[in-house]
Amino acid sequence: MFEADDIRAWRGHDVVDAGGHKIGVLESIYVDTTTDQPFFATVTVGLPTRRRLAFVPLTGATVGPGYLKVAHSKDQVKKAPAIDTDGELSAGDEPSVFAHYDLPYASGAGSERRLARR
């Protein structure tokens, strides 16, 4: 997995799927509050007048010259739960982000949020 400081430096770079198809641009990183490690990224997707931030897991992601390659298809990421470009992920929407990628969900320690934007 990436070190938190390293992956933050990739903001603004292209995000591509395993086939090399551009999905969008890396906007932000969400860490798992139980480990403080990068777990999800948001990718700017959509038409210029309808931009949104789609969530994609960083598990299995790799970096290349000028891009971040994720383990999920462009189609799956574009259909993922998303927020407005100036929005926030609500605690109630966290489970749907995990479910979209068939990842197990449990709230953080003490029933806190599982994801935190860094």
N, C-alpha and C. Protein backbone atom coordinates (compact mmCIF):
# COMPACT_ATOMS: atom_id res chain seq x y z
N MET A 1 0.85 -1.19 0.00
CA MET A 1 0.00 0.00 0.00
C MET A 1 0.89 1.24 0.00
N PHE A 2 0.31 2.34 -0.38
CA PHE A 2 1.04 3.60 -0.46
C PHE A 2 1.21 4.22 0.92
N GLU A 3 2.28 4.95 1.06
CA GLU A 3 2.41 5.79 2.25
C GLU A 3 1.51 7.01 2.03
N ALA A 4 0.87 7.46 3.09
CA ALA A 4 -0.09 8.56 2.96
C ALA A 4 0.53 9.80 2.31
N ASP A 5 1.74 10.16 2.72
CA ASP A 5 2.37 11.36 2.15
C ASP A 5 2.66 11.17 0.67
N ASP A 6 3.06 9.98 0.26
CA ASP A 6 3.37 9.72 -1.14
C ASP A 6 2.14 9.84 -2.03
N ILE A 7 1.04 9.21 -1.65
CA ILE A 7 -0.15 9.22 -2.51
C ILE A 7 -0.76 10.61 -2.60
N ARG A 8 -0.66 11.42 -1.57
CA ARG A 8 -1.19 12.79 -1.63
C ARG A 8 -0.48 13.60 -2.71
N ALA A 9 0.77 13.29 -2.95
CA ALA A 9 1.54 14.01 -3.96
C ALA A 9 1.01 13.73 -5.37
N TRP A 10 0.18 12.73 -5.54
CA TRP A 10 -0.33 12.37 -6.85
C TRP A 10 -1.62 13.11 -7.22
N ARG A 11 -2.13 13.96 -6.35
CA ARG A 11 -3.34 14.73 -6.68
C ARG A 11 -3.12 15.47 -7.98
N GLY A 12 -4.17 15.45 -8.82
CA GLY A 12 -4.11 16.13 -10.10
C GLY A 12 -3.58 15.26 -11.23
N HIS A 13 -3.07 14.06 -10.91
CA HIS A 13 -2.60 13.14 -11.94
C HIS A 13 -3.75 12.30 -12.47
N ASP A 14 -3.56 11.76 -13.65
CA ASP A 14 -4.57 10.89 -14.24
C ASP A 14 -4.72 9.61 -13.43
N VAL A 15 -5.94 9.11 -13.40
CA VAL A 15 -6.25 7.80 -12.83
C VAL A 15 -6.72 6.93 -13.99
N VAL A 16 -6.10 5.76 -14.13
CA VAL A 16 -6.44 4.85 -15.21
C VAL A 16 -6.85 3.50 -14.64
N ASP A 17 -7.59 2.73 -15.44
CA ASP A 17 -7.97 1.38 -15.01
C ASP A 17 -6.88 0.39 -15.42
N ALA A 18 -7.08 -0.88 -15.11
CA ALA A 18 -6.08 -1.91 -15.39
C ALA A 18 -5.74 -1.99 -16.87
N GLY A 19 -6.68 -1.63 -17.75
CA GLY A 19 -6.44 -1.65 -19.18
C GLY A 19 -5.78 -0.39 -19.71
N GLY A 20 -5.50 0.57 -18.82
CA GLY A 20 -4.87 1.82 -19.23
C GLY A 20 -5.83 2.88 -19.70
N HIS A 21 -7.15 2.65 -19.56
CA HIS A 21 -8.15 3.64 -19.97
C HIS A 21 -8.29 4.72 -18.89
N LYS A 22 -8.20 5.97 -19.32
CA LYS A 22 -8.30 7.07 -18.36
C LYS A 22 -9.70 7.13 -17.77
N ILE A 23 -9.75 7.18 -16.44
CA ILE A 23 -11.01 7.30 -15.72
C ILE A 23 -11.28 8.76 -15.40
N GLY A 24 -10.26 9.46 -14.94
CA GLY A 24 -10.40 10.85 -14.54
C GLY A 24 -9.12 11.32 -13.88
N VAL A 25 -9.26 12.30 -12.98
CA VAL A 25 -8.12 12.91 -12.31
C VAL A 25 -8.25 12.69 -10.81
N LEU A 26 -7.14 12.33 -10.16
CA LEU A 26 -7.13 12.11 -8.72
C LEU A 26 -7.41 13.42 -7.99
N GLU A 27 -8.43 13.43 -7.15
CA GLU A 27 -8.80 14.65 -6.43
C GLU A 27 -8.41 14.59 -4.97
N SER A 28 -8.75 13.51 -4.26
CA SER A 28 -8.42 13.44 -2.85
C SER A 28 -8.27 12.00 -2.39
N ILE A 29 -7.76 11.87 -1.17
CA ILE A 29 -7.50 10.57 -0.56
C ILE A 29 -8.33 10.46 0.71
N TYR A 30 -8.92 9.30 0.91
CA TYR A 30 -9.63 8.99 2.14
C TYR A 30 -8.89 7.86 2.83
N VAL A 31 -8.58 8.06 4.11
CA VAL A 31 -7.87 7.03 4.87
C VAL A 31 -8.86 6.23 5.70
N ASP A 32 -8.47 5.00 6.00
CA ASP A 32 -9.23 4.13 6.89
C ASP A 32 -8.93 4.62 8.30
N THR A 33 -9.94 5.04 9.04
CA THR A 33 -9.72 5.60 10.37
C THR A 33 -9.20 4.58 11.37
N THR A 34 -9.33 3.30 11.07
CA THR A 34 -8.81 2.29 12.00
C THR A 34 -7.31 2.07 11.82
N THR A 35 -6.77 2.39 10.63
CA THR A 35 -5.34 2.17 10.37
C THR A 35 -4.60 3.45 9.99
N ASP A 36 -5.32 4.51 9.65
CA ASP A 36 -4.78 5.77 9.15
C ASP A 36 -4.00 5.59 7.85
N GLN A 37 -4.33 4.55 7.09
CA GLN A 37 -3.70 4.28 5.80
C GLN A 37 -4.64 4.67 4.67
N PRO A 38 -4.11 5.14 3.53
CA PRO A 38 -4.96 5.45 2.38
C PRO A 38 -5.78 4.23 1.97
N PHE A 39 -7.08 4.44 1.77
CA PHE A 39 -7.95 3.31 1.45
C PHE A 39 -8.80 3.56 0.21
N PHE A 40 -9.31 4.77 0.06
CA PHE A 40 -10.08 5.15 -1.13
C PHE A 40 -9.52 6.46 -1.68
N ALA A 41 -9.77 6.66 -2.96
CA ALA A 41 -9.47 7.93 -3.61
C ALA A 41 -10.74 8.43 -4.25
N THR A 42 -10.83 9.73 -4.45
CA THR A 42 -11.91 10.25 -5.28
C THR A 42 -11.29 10.70 -6.59
N VAL A 43 -12.04 10.42 -7.66
CA VAL A 43 -11.60 10.71 -9.02
C VAL A 43 -12.63 11.63 -9.65
N THR A 44 -12.17 12.71 -10.24
CA THR A 44 -13.07 13.63 -10.93
C THR A 44 -13.51 12.98 -12.23
N VAL A 45 -14.83 12.79 -12.36
CA VAL A 45 -15.40 12.17 -13.55
C VAL A 45 -16.58 13.01 -14.04
N GLY A 46 -17.02 12.74 -15.25
CA GLY A 46 -18.19 13.40 -15.80
C GLY A 46 -17.84 14.51 -16.78
N LEU A 47 -18.89 15.06 -17.35
CA LEU A 47 -18.74 16.16 -18.30
C LEU A 47 -18.34 17.43 -17.57
N PRO A 48 -17.69 18.36 -18.25
CA PRO A 48 -17.25 19.59 -17.58
C PRO A 48 -18.35 20.32 -16.82
N THR A 49 -19.57 20.27 -17.30
CA THR A 49 -20.66 20.96 -16.61
C THR A 49 -21.32 20.11 -15.52
N ARG A 50 -20.93 18.84 -15.44
CA ARG A 50 -21.53 17.93 -14.45
C ARG A 50 -20.47 17.10 -13.74
N ARG A 51 -19.40 17.70 -13.36
CA ARG A 51 -18.32 16.98 -12.68
C ARG A 51 -18.79 16.47 -11.32
N ARG A 52 -18.26 15.31 -10.95
CA ARG A 52 -18.52 14.73 -9.64
C ARG A 52 -17.29 13.95 -9.23
N LEU A 53 -17.24 13.55 -7.97
CA LEU A 53 -16.10 12.80 -7.45
C LEU A 53 -16.56 11.39 -7.14
N ALA A 54 -16.05 10.43 -7.90
CA ALA A 54 -16.38 9.02 -7.71
C ALA A 54 -15.33 8.37 -6.82
N PHE A 55 -15.76 7.44 -6.00
CA PHE A 55 -14.86 6.74 -5.08
C PHE A 55 -14.31 5.48 -5.72
N VAL A 56 -13.02 5.23 -5.48
CA VAL A 56 -12.37 4.00 -5.95
C VAL A 56 -11.38 3.54 -4.89
N PRO A 57 -11.37 2.23 -4.59
CA PRO A 57 -10.42 1.71 -3.61
C PRO A 57 -8.98 1.80 -4.11
N LEU A 58 -8.05 1.98 -3.19
CA LEU A 58 -6.64 2.02 -3.55
C LEU A 58 -5.97 0.66 -3.42
N THR A 59 -6.69 -0.33 -2.93
CA THR A 59 -6.13 -1.68 -2.84
C THR A 59 -5.75 -2.17 -4.23
N GLY A 60 -4.52 -2.59 -4.39
CA GLY A 60 -4.05 -3.08 -5.68
C GLY A 60 -3.64 -1.99 -6.65
N ALA A 61 -3.69 -0.73 -6.25
CA ALA A 61 -3.31 0.38 -7.13
C ALA A 61 -1.79 0.47 -7.25
N THR A 62 -1.34 0.91 -8.40
CA THR A 62 0.08 1.12 -8.66
C THR A 62 0.28 2.47 -9.33
N VAL A 63 1.51 2.96 -9.27
CA VAL A 63 1.80 4.23 -9.93
C VAL A 63 2.68 3.99 -11.14
N GLY A 64 2.51 4.83 -12.13
CA GLY A 64 3.33 4.80 -13.34
C GLY A 64 3.77 6.22 -13.62
N PRO A 65 4.43 6.44 -14.73
CA PRO A 65 4.88 7.80 -15.05
C PRO A 65 3.70 8.74 -15.30
N GLY A 66 3.34 9.50 -14.29
CA GLY A 66 2.27 10.49 -14.44
C GLY A 66 0.86 9.98 -14.24
N TYR A 67 0.69 8.75 -13.77
CA TYR A 67 -0.66 8.24 -13.55
C TYR A 67 -0.72 7.29 -12.36
N LEU A 68 -1.92 7.10 -11.87
CA LEU A 68 -2.22 6.13 -10.83
C LEU A 68 -3.13 5.08 -11.48
N LYS A 69 -2.72 3.82 -11.43
CA LYS A 69 -3.50 2.74 -12.03
C LYS A 69 -4.24 2.02 -10.91
N VAL A 70 -5.58 1.95 -11.02
CA VAL A 70 -6.40 1.26 -10.03
C VAL A 70 -6.82 -0.10 -10.55
N ALA A 71 -7.23 -0.96 -9.65
CA ALA A 71 -7.55 -2.34 -10.01
C ALA A 71 -8.99 -2.53 -10.49
N HIS A 72 -9.74 -1.45 -10.62
CA HIS A 72 -11.14 -1.54 -11.02
C HIS A 72 -11.35 -0.90 -12.39
N SER A 73 -12.36 -1.38 -13.10
CA SER A 73 -12.61 -0.89 -14.45
C SER A 73 -13.16 0.53 -14.45
N LYS A 74 -12.94 1.20 -15.56
CA LYS A 74 -13.46 2.55 -15.75
C LYS A 74 -14.97 2.56 -15.55
N ASP A 75 -15.66 1.58 -16.10
CA ASP A 75 -17.11 1.50 -15.99
C ASP A 75 -17.55 1.36 -14.54
N GLN A 76 -16.87 0.50 -13.78
CA GLN A 76 -17.25 0.31 -12.39
C GLN A 76 -17.02 1.57 -11.58
N VAL A 77 -15.92 2.27 -11.82
CA VAL A 77 -15.64 3.51 -11.08
C VAL A 77 -16.66 4.58 -11.43
N LYS A 78 -17.00 4.71 -12.70
CA LYS A 78 -17.96 5.74 -13.10
C LYS A 78 -19.36 5.48 -12.53
N LYS A 79 -19.67 4.22 -12.21
CA LYS A 79 -20.96 3.88 -11.61
C LYS A 79 -20.91 3.87 -10.08
N ALA A 80 -19.76 4.15 -9.52
CA ALA A 80 -19.58 4.12 -8.07
C ALA A 80 -20.30 5.28 -7.39
N PRO A 81 -20.58 5.13 -6.11
CA PRO A 81 -21.14 6.27 -5.36
C PRO A 81 -20.22 7.48 -5.53
N ALA A 82 -20.83 8.65 -5.63
CA ALA A 82 -20.07 9.87 -5.87
C ALA A 82 -20.64 11.01 -5.04
N ILE A 83 -19.84 12.06 -4.93
CA ILE A 83 -20.27 13.28 -4.26
C ILE A 83 -20.02 14.45 -5.21
N ASP A 84 -20.65 15.59 -4.92
CA ASP A 84 -20.39 16.79 -5.70
C ASP A 84 -18.93 17.19 -5.51
N THR A 85 -18.40 17.96 -6.45
CA THR A 85 -17.00 18.36 -6.38
C THR A 85 -16.69 19.18 -5.13
N ASP A 86 -17.69 19.80 -4.55
CA ASP A 86 -17.48 20.53 -3.29
C ASP A 86 -18.22 19.86 -2.14
N GLY A 87 -18.59 18.60 -2.33
CA GLY A 87 -19.38 17.88 -1.33
C GLY A 87 -18.53 17.08 -0.37
N GLU A 88 -19.22 16.45 0.57
CA GLU A 88 -18.59 15.59 1.56
C GLU A 88 -19.32 14.27 1.59
N LEU A 89 -18.59 13.21 1.88
CA LEU A 89 -19.19 11.89 2.04
C LEU A 89 -19.83 11.84 3.43
N SER A 90 -21.13 11.59 3.47
CA SER A 90 -21.81 11.51 4.77
C SER A 90 -21.53 10.14 5.39
N ALA A 91 -21.60 10.08 6.71
CA ALA A 91 -21.38 8.83 7.43
C ALA A 91 -22.38 7.77 6.96
N GLY A 92 -23.60 8.18 6.68
CA GLY A 92 -24.63 7.25 6.23
C GLY A 92 -24.38 6.67 4.85
N ASP A 93 -23.57 7.36 4.04
CA ASP A 93 -23.27 6.88 2.68
C ASP A 93 -22.03 5.99 2.61
N GLU A 94 -21.25 5.94 3.69
CA GLU A 94 -20.03 5.13 3.67
C GLU A 94 -20.29 3.66 3.31
N PRO A 95 -21.29 3.00 3.90
CA PRO A 95 -21.51 1.59 3.57
C PRO A 95 -21.75 1.34 2.08
N SER A 96 -22.41 2.26 1.38
CA SER A 96 -22.68 2.05 -0.04
C SER A 96 -21.41 2.12 -0.88
N VAL A 97 -20.43 2.91 -0.45
CA VAL A 97 -19.16 2.98 -1.16
C VAL A 97 -18.45 1.62 -1.08
N PHE A 98 -18.42 1.05 0.11
CA PHE A 98 -17.80 -0.26 0.30
C PHE A 98 -18.57 -1.33 -0.46
N ALA A 99 -19.90 -1.30 -0.38
CA ALA A 99 -20.73 -2.32 -1.02
C ALA A 99 -20.56 -2.32 -2.53
N HIS A 100 -20.38 -1.16 -3.14
CA HIS A 100 -20.22 -1.07 -4.59
C HIS A 100 -19.04 -1.92 -5.07
N TYR A 101 -18.01 -2.01 -4.25
CA TYR A 101 -16.82 -2.78 -4.60
C TYR A 101 -16.75 -4.12 -3.86
N ASP A 102 -17.86 -4.55 -3.29
CA ASP A 102 -17.94 -5.82 -2.55
C ASP A 102 -16.89 -5.90 -1.45
N LEU A 103 -16.67 -4.78 -0.76
CA LEU A 103 -15.74 -4.74 0.36
C LEU A 103 -16.53 -4.77 1.67
N PRO A 104 -16.04 -5.50 2.66
CA PRO A 104 -16.74 -5.54 3.95
C PRO A 104 -16.70 -4.17 4.62
N TYR A 105 -17.79 -3.83 5.29
CA TYR A 105 -17.86 -2.53 5.97
C TYR A 105 -18.13 -2.73 7.45
N ALA A 106 -17.39 -2.03 8.26
CA ALA A 106 -17.64 -1.93 9.69
C ALA A 106 -17.25 -0.51 10.08
N SER A 107 -18.04 0.11 10.93
CA SER A 107 -17.70 1.47 11.33
C SER A 107 -16.39 1.45 12.09
N GLY A 108 -15.78 2.61 12.22
CA GLY A 108 -14.51 2.73 12.92
C GLY A 108 -14.66 2.44 14.40
N ALA A 109 -13.56 2.49 15.12
CA ALA A 109 -13.58 2.24 16.56
C ALA A 109 -14.56 3.17 17.25
N GLY A 110 -15.35 2.63 18.18
CA GLY A 110 -16.32 3.45 18.90
C GLY A 110 -17.44 3.96 18.02
N SER A 111 -17.77 3.24 16.96
CA SER A 111 -18.82 3.62 16.01
C SER A 111 -18.53 4.92 15.29
N GLU A 112 -17.26 5.26 15.16
CA GLU A 112 -16.88 6.45 14.41
C GLU A 112 -16.95 6.17 12.92
N ARG A 113 -16.75 7.22 12.16
CA ARG A 113 -16.70 7.07 10.71
C ARG A 113 -15.54 6.16 10.33
N ARG A 114 -15.68 5.45 9.23
CA ARG A 114 -14.64 4.56 8.77
C ARG A 114 -13.65 5.27 7.85
N LEU A 115 -14.11 6.29 7.12
CA LEU A 115 -13.26 7.01 6.18
C LEU A 115 -13.10 8.47 6.58
N ALA A 116 -11.89 8.98 6.41
CA ALA A 116 -11.62 10.39 6.68
C ALA A 116 -10.81 10.95 5.53
N ARG A 117 -11.21 12.12 5.06
CA ARG A 117 -10.50 12.76 3.95
C ARG A 117 -9.21 13.38 4.47
N ARG A 118 -8.15 13.16 3.72
CA ARG A 118 -6.85 13.74 4.11
C ARG A 118 -6.31 14.61 3.01
